[in-house]
């Protein structure tokens, strides 16, 4: 994991957001700059690696949520506010 400027290891959600920002910057460079082929390939490879790391973080988060729901069915009913409205949430009013 990457360390922050203060030496602390970032939370997985913060790390995910940092990785997404870096992927977005790579996409911008690939789209807007006239990069030499070798550099464009390096940027693309870096982007692929970052996306793999993002997917691993998302997989881990999904597993944690699944484990919480199966270990305590009552806990699955109370979702954080930022998850309401997702098709899998208990609040189906957003699907109507």
Foldseek 3Di string as FASTA:
>chain_A
DDADPVRHDDDLVVLLVVLVVLLVVLVCCLVPPPDDPVVNVVSVVSSVVSVVSNVVSVVVVVVVLVVVCVVDVVVLQDDPPVPPLPCPHPPCPNVD
